[in-house]
Amino acid sequence: MPSVGITGNVAGGAVTGLTSTVKINGTSVICIGSVVASHGSSPHAAATMATGNTGLVTMNGLVPCVTGNTATCGHALAATTTVTIG
């Protein structure tokens, strides 16, 4: 199963998590809609996470992102946690 993304993991640029009460190692979880730090010109300047784990898991009502999910710029998330979801 793929690892769940947390604030600071990278999808071209560092991604900011969206969960307010669900934390992994004290850090917010990356979900669909999380902002990816600018890492070049368009489409890399204003990217957000576009795909997430489409299973039954939600966190704060949001769909979490895992390793391999992509941002609107086309980069894949490289999650680093030991927490996995399927």
C-alpha atoms as a PDB file:
ATOM      1  CA  MET A   1       0.000   0.000   0.000  1.00  0.00           C
ATOM      2  CA  PRO A   2       1.204   3.558  -0.714  1.00  0.00           C
ATOM      3  CA  SER A   3       2.459   6.008   1.922  1.00  0.00           C
ATOM      4  CA  VAL A   4       0.297   8.974   2.969  1.00  0.00           C
ATOM      5  CA  GLY A   5       1.693  12.448   2.179  1.00  0.00           C
ATOM      6  CA  ILE A   6       2.301  15.077   4.861  1.00  0.00           C
ATOM      7  CA  THR A   7       3.264  18.768   4.778  1.00  0.00           C
ATOM      8  CA  GLY A   8       6.743  19.140   3.303  1.00  0.00           C
ATOM      9  CA  ASN A   9       6.599  16.090   1.035  1.00  0.00           C
ATOM     10  CA  VAL A  10       7.286  16.951  -2.602  1.00  0.00           C
ATOM     11  CA  ALA A  11       5.334  16.872  -5.884  1.00  0.00           C
ATOM     12  CA  GLY A  12       7.670  19.071  -7.912  1.00  0.00           C
ATOM     13  CA  GLY A  13       7.585  21.575  -5.029  1.00  0.00           C
ATOM     14  CA  ALA A  14       6.855  21.165  -1.321  1.00  0.00           C
ATOM     15  CA  VAL A  15       3.175  20.490  -0.610  1.00  0.00           C
ATOM     16  CA  THR A  16       1.138  21.935   2.283  1.00  0.00           C
ATOM     17  CA  GLY A  17      -1.298  19.620   4.078  1.00  0.00           C
ATOM     18  CA  LEU A  18      -4.949  20.526   4.608  1.00  0.00           C
ATOM     19  CA  THR A  19      -6.077  18.499   7.625  1.00  0.00           C
ATOM     20  CA  SER A  20      -6.672  20.429  10.835  1.00  0.00           C
ATOM     21  CA  THR A  21      -7.217  17.614  13.337  1.00  0.00           C
ATOM     22  CA  VAL A  22      -5.779  14.551  11.599  1.00  0.00           C
ATOM     23  CA  LYS A  23      -1.993  14.557  11.926  1.00  0.00           C
ATOM     24  CA  ILE A  24       0.778  12.084  11.112  1.00  0.00           C
ATOM     25  CA  ASN A  25       3.872  12.587  13.258  1.00  0.00           C
ATOM     26  CA  GLY A  26       2.337  15.922  14.310  1.00  0.00           C
ATOM     27  CA  THR A  27       2.032  17.120  10.705  1.00  0.00           C
ATOM     28  CA  SER A  28      -1.026  17.873   8.515  1.00  0.00           C
ATOM     29  CA  VAL A  29      -1.980  15.408   5.778  1.00  0.00           C
ATOM     30  CA  ILE A  30      -1.811  16.317   2.073  1.00  0.00           C
ATOM     31  CA  CYS A  31      -5.235  16.039   0.389  1.00  0.00           C
ATOM     32  CA  ILE A  32      -6.796  16.814  -2.989  1.00  0.00           C
ATOM     33  CA  GLY A  33      -6.585  20.616  -3.252  1.00  0.00           C
ATOM     34  CA  SER A  34      -3.374  20.972  -1.199  1.00  0.00           C
ATOM     35  CA  VAL A  35      -1.134  23.734  -2.543  1.00  0.00           C
ATOM     36  CA  VAL A  36       2.173  22.791  -4.196  1.00  0.00           C
ATOM     37  CA  ALA A  37       4.935  25.401  -3.816  1.00  0.00           C
ATOM     38  CA  SER A  38       5.808  27.204  -7.030  1.00  0.00           C
ATOM     39  CA  HIS A  39       8.615  25.428  -8.888  1.00  0.00           C
ATOM     40  CA  GLY A  40       8.788  27.121 -12.271  1.00  0.00           C
ATOM     41  CA  SER A  41       6.461  28.866 -14.680  1.00  0.00           C
ATOM     42  CA  SER A  42       2.956  27.713 -15.580  1.00  0.00           C
ATOM     43  CA  PRO A  43       1.672  25.075 -14.955  1.00  0.00           C
ATOM     44  CA  HIS A  44       4.172  24.766 -12.098  1.00  0.00           C
ATOM     45  CA  ALA A  45       3.518  28.221 -10.602  1.00  0.00           C
ATOM     46  CA  ALA A  46       0.067  27.603  -9.084  1.00  0.00           C
ATOM     47  CA  ALA A  47      -0.264  23.832  -8.784  1.00  0.00           C
ATOM     48  CA  THR A  48      -2.498  21.910  -6.398  1.00  0.00           C
ATOM     49  CA  MET A  49      -2.863  18.204  -5.724  1.00  0.00           C
ATOM     50  CA  ALA A  50      -5.377  16.869  -8.253  1.00  0.00           C
ATOM     51  CA  THR A  51      -5.607  13.150  -7.479  1.00  0.00           C
ATOM     52  CA  GLY A  52      -5.877  11.268  -4.211  1.00  0.00           C
ATOM     53  CA  ASN A  53      -6.534   7.890  -2.709  1.00  0.00           C
ATOM     54  CA  THR A  54      -9.989   7.019  -4.019  1.00  0.00           C
ATOM     55  CA  GLY A  55     -10.630   4.318  -1.415  1.00  0.00           C
ATOM     56  CA  LEU A  56     -12.963   4.672   1.538  1.00  0.00           C
ATOM     57  CA  VAL A  57     -10.542   6.712   3.667  1.00  0.00           C
ATOM     58  CA  THR A  58     -11.216  10.405   4.275  1.00  0.00           C
ATOM     59  CA  MET A  59      -9.504  12.729   6.748  1.00  0.00           C
ATOM     60  CA  ASN A  60     -11.436  15.766   7.987  1.00  0.00           C
ATOM     61  CA  GLY A  61     -13.836  14.971   5.116  1.00  0.00           C
ATOM     62  CA  LEU A  62     -11.032  15.319   2.557  1.00  0.00           C
ATOM     63  CA  VAL A  63      -9.454  12.715   0.277  1.00  0.00           C
ATOM     64  CA  PRO A  64      -5.812  12.137   1.305  1.00  0.00           C
ATOM     65  CA  CYS A  65      -2.986  11.905  -1.222  1.00  0.00           C
ATOM     66  CA  VAL A  66      -0.468   9.083  -1.343  1.00  0.00           C
ATOM     67  CA  THR A  67       2.771   8.323  -3.166  1.00  0.00           C
ATOM     68  CA  GLY A  68       2.181   8.497  -6.921  1.00  0.00           C
ATOM     69  CA  ASN A  69      -0.869  10.785  -6.846  1.00  0.00           C
ATOM     70  CA  THR A  70      -0.378  13.768  -9.142  1.00  0.00           C
ATOM     71  CA  ALA A  71      -0.587  17.542  -8.934  1.00  0.00           C
ATOM     72  CA  THR A  72      -2.120  19.771 -11.613  1.00  0.00           C
ATOM     73  CA  CYS A  73       1.415  20.411 -12.921  1.00  0.00           C
ATOM     74  CA  GLY A  74       1.861  16.692 -13.623  1.00  0.00           C
ATOM     75  CA  HIS A  75       4.392  15.896 -10.905  1.00  0.00           C
ATOM     76  CA  ALA A  76       3.792  12.842  -8.708  1.00  0.00           C
ATOM     77  CA  LEU A  77       3.811  13.030  -4.911  1.00  0.00           C
ATOM     78  CA  ALA A  78       6.735  11.411  -3.115  1.00  0.00           C
ATOM     79  CA  ALA A  79       5.327  10.675   0.351  1.00  0.00           C
ATOM     80  CA  THR A  80       7.751   9.800   3.134  1.00  0.00           C
ATOM     81  CA  THR A  81       5.635   8.487   6.009  1.00  0.00           C
ATOM     82  CA  THR A  82       5.361   4.935   7.260  1.00  0.00           C
ATOM     83  CA  VAL A  83       1.562   5.326   7.394  1.00  0.00           C
ATOM     84  CA  THR A  84      -0.106   3.582   4.464  1.00  0.00           C
ATOM     85  CA  ILE A  85      -3.671   3.382   3.199  1.00  0.00           C
ATOM     86  CA  GLY A  86      -5.153   1.279   0.441  1.00  0.00           C
END
